[in-house]
Amino acid sequence: MNNRRRRVLGVLIYFLPLLVFLLSLLIGTVRIPVKDLLKTLASPLFPSLKQGLPANALIIIFSIRIPRLLLGLAVGASLSV
């Protein structure tokens, strides 16, 4: 039981921050569907995905939400020291 519990905790430690990262990109006054969010995040690697996206989704995610998230990570890391 202890080994199983440790494995579940390890999985949570790795996947919970990723889930919170994606959820924080969805939170805002402008609603961006999950499908558009994933396409927007993959669009720098696959430029063909930009064709079906609204222009404001690219601007909002890359200019507002990702910098806000990275700033929050940096502030949290600096406060933990």
PDB file of N, CA and C in Angstrom:
ATOM      1  N   MET A   1       0.815  -1.196   0.000  1.00  0.00           N
ATOM      2  CA  MET A   1       0.000   0.000   0.000  1.00  0.00           C
ATOM      3  C   MET A   1       0.859   1.261   0.000  1.00  0.00           C
ATOM      4  N   ASN A   2       1.939   1.242   0.724  1.00  0.00           N
ATOM      5  CA  ASN A   2       2.808   2.399   0.808  1.00  0.00           C
ATOM      6  C   ASN A   2       3.437   2.718  -0.551  1.00  0.00           C
ATOM      7  N   ASN A   3       3.829   1.670  -1.308  1.00  0.00           N
ATOM      8  CA  ASN A   3       4.423   1.873  -2.617  1.00  0.00           C
ATOM      9  C   ASN A   3       3.403   2.472  -3.592  1.00  0.00           C
ATOM     10  N   ARG A   4       2.162   1.992  -3.515  1.00  0.00           N
ATOM     11  CA  ARG A   4       1.110   2.516  -4.393  1.00  0.00           C
ATOM     12  C   ARG A   4       0.831   3.978  -4.067  1.00  0.00           C
ATOM     13  N   ARG A   5       0.781   4.288  -2.797  1.00  0.00           N
ATOM     14  CA  ARG A   5       0.526   5.653  -2.359  1.00  0.00           C
ATOM     15  C   ARG A   5       1.638   6.589  -2.822  1.00  0.00           C
ATOM     16  N   ARG A   6       2.852   6.133  -2.753  1.00  0.00           N
ATOM     17  CA  ARG A   6       4.004   6.931  -3.200  1.00  0.00           C
ATOM     18  C   ARG A   6       3.947   7.162  -4.716  1.00  0.00           C
ATOM     19  N   ARG A   7       3.521   6.158  -5.460  1.00  0.00           N
ATOM     20  CA  ARG A   7       3.417   6.281  -6.914  1.00  0.00           C
ATOM     21  C   ARG A   7       2.330   7.288  -7.299  1.00  0.00           C
ATOM     22  N   VAL A   8       1.182   7.222  -6.619  1.00  0.00           N
ATOM     23  CA  VAL A   8       0.099   8.175  -6.885  1.00  0.00           C
ATOM     24  C   VAL A   8       0.545   9.591  -6.556  1.00  0.00           C
ATOM     25  N   LEU A   9       1.241   9.763  -5.464  1.00  0.00           N
ATOM     26  CA  LEU A   9       1.750  11.071  -5.089  1.00  0.00           C
ATOM     27  C   LEU A   9       2.746  11.586  -6.129  1.00  0.00           C
ATOM     28  N   GLY A  10       3.595  10.710  -6.641  1.00  0.00           N
ATOM     29  CA  GLY A  10       4.548  11.103  -7.676  1.00  0.00           C
ATOM     30  C   GLY A  10       3.859  11.552  -8.949  1.00  0.00           C
ATOM     31  N   VAL A  11       2.810  10.843  -9.335  1.00  0.00           N
ATOM     32  CA  VAL A  11       2.054  11.229 -10.534  1.00  0.00           C
ATOM     33  C   VAL A  11       1.376  12.580 -10.315  1.00  0.00           C
ATOM     34  N   LEU A  12       0.812  12.793  -9.144  1.00  0.00           N
ATOM     35  CA  LEU A  12       0.174  14.071  -8.847  1.00  0.00           C
ATOM     36  C   LEU A  12       1.166  15.221  -8.859  1.00  0.00           C
ATOM     37  N   ILE A  13       2.365  14.981  -8.338  1.00  0.00           N
ATOM     38  CA  ILE A  13       3.382  16.023  -8.305  1.00  0.00           C
ATOM     39  C   ILE A  13       3.771  16.463  -9.713  1.00  0.00           C
ATOM     40  N   TYR A  14       3.750  15.541 -10.665  1.00  0.00           N
ATOM     41  CA  TYR A  14       4.124  15.885 -12.031  1.00  0.00           C
ATOM     42  C   TYR A  14       2.971  16.451 -12.850  1.00  0.00           C
ATOM     43  N   PHE A  15       1.765  15.922 -12.692  1.00  0.00           N
ATOM     44  CA  PHE A  15       0.671  16.309 -13.573  1.00  0.00           C
ATOM     45  C   PHE A  15      -0.222  17.416 -13.024  1.00  0.00           C
ATOM     46  N   LEU A  16      -0.275  17.610 -11.732  1.00  0.00           N
ATOM     47  CA  LEU A  16      -1.098  18.666 -11.170  1.00  0.00           C
ATOM     48  C   LEU A  16      -0.612  20.064 -11.575  1.00  0.00           C
ATOM     49  N   PRO A  17       0.683  20.362 -11.544  1.00  0.00           N
ATOM     50  CA  PRO A  17       1.120  21.685 -12.023  1.00  0.00           C
ATOM     51  C   PRO A  17       0.816  21.912 -13.503  1.00  0.00           C
ATOM     52  N   LEU A  18       0.904  20.872 -14.316  1.00  0.00           N
ATOM     53  CA  LEU A  18       0.569  21.008 -15.730  1.00  0.00           C
ATOM     54  C   LEU A  18      -0.909  21.322 -15.902  1.00  0.00           C
ATOM     55  N   LEU A  19      -1.751  20.662 -15.139  1.00  0.00           N
ATOM     56  CA  LEU A  19      -3.183  20.917 -15.199  1.00  0.00           C
ATOM     57  C   LEU A  19      -3.501  22.337 -14.741  1.00  0.00           C
ATOM     58  N   VAL A  20      -2.868  22.788 -13.676  1.00  0.00           N
ATOM     59  CA  VAL A  20      -3.086  24.147 -13.180  1.00  0.00           C
ATOM     60  C   VAL A  20      -2.579  25.167 -14.201  1.00  0.00           C
ATOM     61  N   PHE A  21      -1.470  24.873 -14.871  1.00  0.00           N
ATOM     62  CA  PHE A  21      -0.932  25.738 -15.919  1.00  0.00           C
ATOM     63  C   PHE A  21      -1.962  25.925 -17.029  1.00  0.00           C
ATOM     64  N   LEU A  22      -2.532  24.820 -17.508  1.00  0.00           N
ATOM     65  CA  LEU A  22      -3.521  24.918 -18.588  1.00  0.00           C
ATOM     66  C   LEU A  22      -4.798  25.607 -18.120  1.00  0.00           C
ATOM     67  N   LEU A  23      -5.239  25.323 -16.909  1.00  0.00           N
ATOM     68  CA  LEU A  23      -6.444  25.976 -16.398  1.00  0.00           C
ATOM     69  C   LEU A  23      -6.246  27.473 -16.221  1.00  0.00           C
ATOM     70  N   SER A  24      -5.053  27.890 -15.813  1.00  0.00           N
ATOM     71  CA  SER A  24      -4.811  29.318 -15.632  1.00  0.00           C
ATOM     72  C   SER A  24      -4.788  30.057 -16.969  1.00  0.00           C
ATOM     73  N   LEU A  25      -4.466  29.356 -18.047  1.00  0.00           N
ATOM     74  CA  LEU A  25      -4.529  29.991 -19.363  1.00  0.00           C
ATOM     75  C   LEU A  25      -5.964  30.144 -19.844  1.00  0.00           C
ATOM     76  N   LEU A  26      -6.878  29.358 -19.305  1.00  0.00           N
ATOM     77  CA  LEU A  26      -8.281  29.450 -19.693  1.00  0.00           C
ATOM     78  C   LEU A  26      -9.027  30.537 -18.930  1.00  0.00           C
ATOM     79  N   ILE A  27      -8.517  30.934 -17.774  1.00  0.00           N
ATOM     80  CA  ILE A  27      -9.219  31.884 -16.920  1.00  0.00           C
ATOM     81  C   ILE A  27      -8.965  33.309 -17.411  1.00  0.00           C
ATOM     82  N   GLY A  28     -10.036  34.035 -17.634  1.00  0.00           N
ATOM     83  CA  GLY A  28      -9.937  35.423 -18.061  1.00  0.00           C
ATOM     84  C   GLY A  28     -11.290  35.940 -18.482  1.00  0.00           C
ATOM     85  N   THR A  29     -11.347  37.218 -18.824  1.00  0.00           N
ATOM     86  CA  THR A  29     -12.628  37.796 -19.221  1.00  0.00           C
ATOM     87  C   THR A  29     -13.069  37.329 -20.598  1.00  0.00           C
ATOM     88  N   VAL A  30     -12.123  37.026 -21.461  1.00  0.00           N
ATOM     89  CA  VAL A  30     -12.440  36.497 -22.781  1.00  0.00           C
ATOM     90  C   VAL A  30     -12.366  34.979 -22.721  1.00  0.00           C
ATOM     91  N   ARG A  31     -13.442  34.306 -23.095  1.00  0.00           N
ATOM     92  CA  ARG A  31     -13.485  32.850 -23.052  1.00  0.00           C
ATOM     93  C   ARG A  31     -12.807  32.283 -24.303  1.00  0.00           C
ATOM     94  N   ILE A  32     -11.824  31.455 -24.093  1.00  0.00           N
ATOM     95  CA  ILE A  32     -11.132  30.767 -25.184  1.00  0.00           C
ATOM     96  C   ILE A  32     -11.347  29.274 -24.966  1.00  0.00           C
ATOM     97  N   PRO A  33     -11.973  28.590 -25.912  1.00  0.00           N
ATOM     98  CA  PRO A  33     -12.211  27.151 -25.741  1.00  0.00           C
ATOM     99  C   PRO A  33     -10.900  26.364 -25.638  1.00  0.00           C
ATOM    100  N   VAL A  34     -10.984  25.204 -25.001  1.00  0.00           N
ATOM    101  CA  VAL A  34      -9.792  24.370 -24.787  1.00  0.00           C
ATOM    102  C   VAL A  34      -9.159  23.994 -26.131  1.00  0.00           C
ATOM    103  N   LYS A  35      -9.986  23.685 -27.114  1.00  0.00           N
ATOM    104  CA  LYS A  35      -9.471  23.310 -28.433  1.00  0.00           C
ATOM    105  C   LYS A  35      -8.652  24.446 -29.048  1.00  0.00           C
ATOM    106  N   ASP A  36      -9.158  25.669 -28.955  1.00  0.00           N
ATOM    107  CA  ASP A  36      -8.420  26.821 -29.484  1.00  0.00           C
ATOM    108  C   ASP A  36      -7.157  27.098 -28.673  1.00  0.00           C
ATOM    109  N   LEU A  37      -7.222  26.873 -27.353  1.00  0.00           N
ATOM    110  CA  LEU A  37      -6.041  27.060 -26.518  1.00  0.00           C
ATOM    111  C   LEU A  37      -4.921  26.101 -26.922  1.00  0.00           C
ATOM    112  N   LEU A  38      -5.269  24.838 -27.102  1.00  0.00           N
ATOM    113  CA  LEU A  38      -4.257  23.858 -27.486  1.00  0.00           C
ATOM    114  C   LEU A  38      -3.700  24.141 -28.878  1.00  0.00           C
ATOM    115  N   LYS A  39      -4.567  24.566 -29.800  1.00  0.00           N
ATOM    116  CA  LYS A  39      -4.090  24.934 -31.140  1.00  0.00           C
ATOM    117  C   LYS A  39      -3.164  26.144 -31.079  1.00  0.00           C
ATOM    118  N   THR A  40      -3.512  27.105 -30.243  1.00  0.00           N
ATOM    119  CA  THR A  40      -2.694  28.311 -30.112  1.00  0.00           C
ATOM    120  C   THR A  40      -1.332  27.981 -29.526  1.00  0.00           C
ATOM    121  N   LEU A  41      -1.298  27.114 -28.524  1.00  0.00           N
ATOM    122  CA  LEU A  41      -0.015  26.737 -27.924  1.00  0.00           C
ATOM    123  C   LEU A  41       0.856  25.948 -28.894  1.00  0.00           C
ATOM    124  N   ALA A  42       0.231  25.182 -29.787  1.00  0.00           N
ATOM    125  CA  ALA A  42       0.990  24.384 -30.755  1.00  0.00           C
ATOM    126  C   ALA A  42       1.300  25.153 -32.035  1.00  0.00           C
ATOM    127  N   SER A  43       0.697  26.313 -32.242  1.00  0.00           N
ATOM    128  CA  SER A  43       0.868  27.049 -33.499  1.00  0.00           C
ATOM    129  C   SER A  43       2.298  27.522 -33.777  1.00  0.00           C
ATOM    130  N   PRO A  44       3.133  27.855 -32.786  1.00  0.00           N
ATOM    131  CA  PRO A  44       4.514  28.196 -33.143  1.00  0.00           C
ATOM    132  C   PRO A  44       5.292  27.018 -33.738  1.00  0.00           C
ATOM    133  N   LEU A  45       4.948  25.809 -33.341  1.00  0.00           N
ATOM    134  CA  LEU A  45       5.618  24.628 -33.882  1.00  0.00           C
ATOM    135  C   LEU A  45       5.000  24.174 -35.199  1.00  0.00           C
ATOM    136  N   PHE A  46       3.683  24.365 -35.326  1.00  0.00           N
ATOM    137  CA  PHE A  46       2.950  23.948 -36.519  1.00  0.00           C
ATOM    138  C   PHE A  46       2.177  25.154 -37.054  1.00  0.00           C
ATOM    139  N   PRO A  47       2.786  25.957 -37.927  1.00  0.00           N
ATOM    140  CA  PRO A  47       2.139  27.199 -38.394  1.00  0.00           C
ATOM    141  C   PRO A  47       0.817  26.979 -39.121  1.00  0.00           C
ATOM    142  N   SER A  48       0.568  25.792 -39.640  1.00  0.00           N
ATOM    143  CA  SER A  48      -0.692  25.548 -40.335  1.00  0.00           C
ATOM    144  C   SER A  48      -1.890  25.594 -39.393  1.00  0.00           C
ATOM    145  N   LEU A  49      -1.668  25.477 -38.097  1.00  0.00           N
ATOM    146  CA  LEU A  49      -2.767  25.528 -37.128  1.00  0.00           C
ATOM    147  C   LEU A  49      -3.306  26.943 -36.929  1.00  0.00           C
ATOM    148  N   LYS A  50      -2.565  27.958 -37.349  1.00  0.00           N
ATOM    149  CA  LYS A  50      -3.003  29.338 -37.159  1.00  0.00           C
ATOM    150  C   LYS A  50      -4.191  29.697 -38.045  1.00  0.00           C
ATOM    151  N   GLN A  51      -4.430  28.931 -39.100  1.00  0.00           N
ATOM    152  CA  GLN A  51      -5.460  29.296 -40.069  1.00  0.00           C
ATOM    153  C   GLN A  51      -6.863  29.301 -39.472  1.00  0.00           C
ATOM    154  N   GLY A  52      -7.186  28.353 -38.591  1.00  0.00           N
ATOM    155  CA  GLY A  52      -8.531  28.279 -38.065  1.00  0.00           C
ATOM    156  C   GLY A  52      -8.740  29.015 -36.752  1.00  0.00           C
ATOM    157  N   LEU A  53      -7.735  29.731 -36.286  1.00  0.00           N
ATOM    158  CA  LEU A  53      -7.831  30.392 -34.982  1.00  0.00           C
ATOM    159  C   LEU A  53      -8.286  31.840 -35.105  1.00  0.00           C
ATOM    160  N   PRO A  54      -9.056  32.304 -34.127  1.00  0.00           N
ATOM    161  CA  PRO A  54      -9.351  33.739 -34.095  1.00  0.00           C
ATOM    162  C   PRO A  54      -8.075  34.519 -33.779  1.00  0.00           C
ATOM    163  N   ALA A  55      -7.940  35.674 -34.380  1.00  0.00           N
ATOM    164  CA  ALA A  55      -6.718  36.471 -34.198  1.00  0.00           C
ATOM    165  C   ALA A  55      -6.553  36.921 -32.752  1.00  0.00           C
ATOM    166  N   ASN A  56      -7.663  37.191 -32.077  1.00  0.00           N
ATOM    167  CA  ASN A  56      -7.530  37.669 -30.701  1.00  0.00           C
ATOM    168  C   ASN A  56      -7.055  36.570 -29.760  1.00  0.00           C
ATOM    169  N   ALA A  57      -7.260  35.300 -30.087  1.00  0.00           N
ATOM    170  CA  ALA A  57      -6.790  34.208 -29.228  1.00  0.00           C
ATOM    171  C   ALA A  57      -5.264  34.193 -29.160  1.00  0.00           C
ATOM    172  N   LEU A  58      -4.612  34.383 -30.293  1.00  0.00           N
ATOM    173  CA  LEU A  58      -3.145  34.423 -30.315  1.00  0.00           C
ATOM    174  C   LEU A  58      -2.618  35.592 -29.483  1.00  0.00           C
ATOM    175  N   ILE A  59      -3.224  36.750 -29.651  1.00  0.00           N
ATOM    176  CA  ILE A  59      -2.760  37.941 -28.941  1.00  0.00           C
ATOM    177  C   ILE A  59      -2.996  37.800 -27.442  1.00  0.00           C
ATOM    178  N   ILE A  60      -4.174  37.334 -27.070  1.00  0.00           N
ATOM    179  CA  ILE A  60      -4.504  37.224 -25.645  1.00  0.00           C
ATOM    180  C   ILE A  60      -3.612  36.212 -24.950  1.00  0.00           C
ATOM    181  N   ILE A  61      -3.427  35.059 -25.564  1.00  0.00           N
ATOM    182  CA  ILE A  61      -2.655  34.002 -24.901  1.00  0.00           C
ATOM    183  C   ILE A  61      -1.173  34.354 -24.833  1.00  0.00           C
ATOM    184  N   PHE A  62      -0.586  34.793 -25.952  1.00  0.00           N
ATOM    185  CA  PHE A  62       0.859  35.029 -25.965  1.00  0.00           C
ATOM    186  C   PHE A  62       1.269  36.387 -25.403  1.00  0.00           C
ATOM    187  N   SER A  63       0.365  37.368 -25.390  1.00  0.00           N
ATOM    188  CA  SER A  63       0.733  38.689 -24.893  1.00  0.00           C
ATOM    189  C   SER A  63       0.267  38.974 -23.471  1.00  0.00           C
ATOM    190  N   ILE A  64      -0.771  38.264 -23.030  1.00  0.00           N
ATOM    191  CA  ILE A  64      -1.328  38.564 -21.709  1.00  0.00           C
ATOM    192  C   ILE A  64      -1.229  37.379 -20.763  1.00  0.00           C
ATOM    193  N   ARG A  65      -1.791  36.249 -21.160  1.00  0.00           N
ATOM    194  CA  ARG A  65      -1.941  35.149 -20.208  1.00  0.00           C
ATOM    195  C   ARG A  65      -0.647  34.399 -19.919  1.00  0.00           C
ATOM    196  N   ILE A  66       0.156  34.113 -20.914  1.00  0.00           N
ATOM    197  CA  ILE A  66       1.421  33.410 -20.647  1.00  0.00           C
ATOM    198  C   ILE A  66       2.387  34.302 -19.864  1.00  0.00           C
ATOM    199  N   PRO A  67       2.550  35.596 -20.220  1.00  0.00           N
ATOM    200  CA  PRO A  67       3.413  36.438 -19.362  1.00  0.00           C
ATOM    201  C   PRO A  67       2.896  36.543 -17.927  1.00  0.00           C
ATOM    202  N   ARG A  68       1.568  36.611 -17.742  1.00  0.00           N
ATOM    203  CA  ARG A  68       1.002  36.664 -16.392  1.00  0.00           C
ATOM    204  C   ARG A  68       1.336  35.391 -15.624  1.00  0.00           C
ATOM    205  N   LEU A  69       1.246  34.259 -16.289  1.00  0.00           N
ATOM    206  CA  LEU A  69       1.551  32.985 -15.652  1.00  0.00           C
ATOM    207  C   LEU A  69       3.036  32.879 -15.302  1.00  0.00           C
ATOM    208  N   LEU A  70       3.907  33.277 -16.211  1.00  0.00           N
ATOM    209  CA  LEU A  70       5.344  33.211 -15.947  1.00  0.00           C
ATOM    210  C   LEU A  70       5.754  34.173 -14.831  1.00  0.00           C
ATOM    211  N   LEU A  71       5.119  35.340 -14.778  1.00  0.00           N
ATOM    212  CA  LEU A  71       5.406  36.277 -13.702  1.00  0.00           C
ATOM    213  C   LEU A  71       4.958  35.700 -12.360  1.00  0.00           C
ATOM    214  N   GLY A  72       3.811  35.055 -12.348  1.00  0.00           N
ATOM    215  CA  GLY A  72       3.343  34.413 -11.114  1.00  0.00           C
ATOM    216  C   GLY A  72       4.274  33.304 -10.655  1.00  0.00           C
ATOM    217  N   LEU A  73       4.797  32.538 -11.609  1.00  0.00           N
ATOM    218  CA  LEU A  73       5.765  31.489 -11.265  1.00  0.00           C
ATOM    219  C   LEU A  73       7.050  32.092 -10.696  1.00  0.00           C
ATOM    220  N   ALA A  74       7.515  33.185 -11.304  1.00  0.00           N
ATOM    221  CA  ALA A  74       8.751  33.814 -10.828  1.00  0.00           C
ATOM    222  C   ALA A  74       8.562  34.413  -9.433  1.00  0.00           C
ATOM    223  N   VAL A  75       7.416  35.047  -9.202  1.00  0.00           N
ATOM    224  CA  VAL A  75       7.158  35.633  -7.880  1.00  0.00           C
ATOM    225  C   VAL A  75       7.038  34.536  -6.839  1.00  0.00           C
ATOM    226  N   GLY A  76       6.338  33.463  -7.167  1.00  0.00           N
ATOM    227  CA  GLY A  76       6.211  32.351  -6.227  1.00  0.00           C
ATOM    228  C   GLY A  76       7.551  31.717  -5.912  1.00  0.00           C
ATOM    229  N   ALA A  77       8.400  31.570  -6.928  1.00  0.00           N
ATOM    230  CA  ALA A  77       9.717  30.989  -6.703  1.00  0.00           C
ATOM    231  C   ALA A  77      10.581  31.912  -5.843  1.00  0.00           C
ATOM    232  N   SER A  78      10.478  33.218  -6.077  1.00  0.00           N
ATOM    233  CA  SER A  78      11.304  34.134  -5.290  1.00  0.00           C
ATOM    234  C   SER A  78      10.813  34.218  -3.837  1.00  0.00           C
ATOM    235  N   LEU A  79       9.524  34.066  -3.611  1.00  0.00           N
ATOM    236  CA  LEU A  79       9.011  34.093  -2.245  1.00  0.00           C
ATOM    237  C   LEU A  79       9.313  32.810  -1.494  1.00  0.00           C
ATOM    238  N   SER A  80       9.587  31.736  -2.215  1.00  0.00           N
ATOM    239  CA  SER A  80       9.849  30.467  -1.541  1.00  0.00           C
ATOM    240  C   SER A  80      11.283  30.376  -1.016  1.00  0.00           C
ATOM    241  N   VAL A  81      12.140  31.258  -1.449  1.00  0.00           N
ATOM    242  CA  VAL A  81      13.537  31.216  -1.028  1.00  0.00           C
ATOM    243  C   VAL A  81      13.718  31.861   0.311  1.00  0.00           C
TER     244      VAL A  81
END
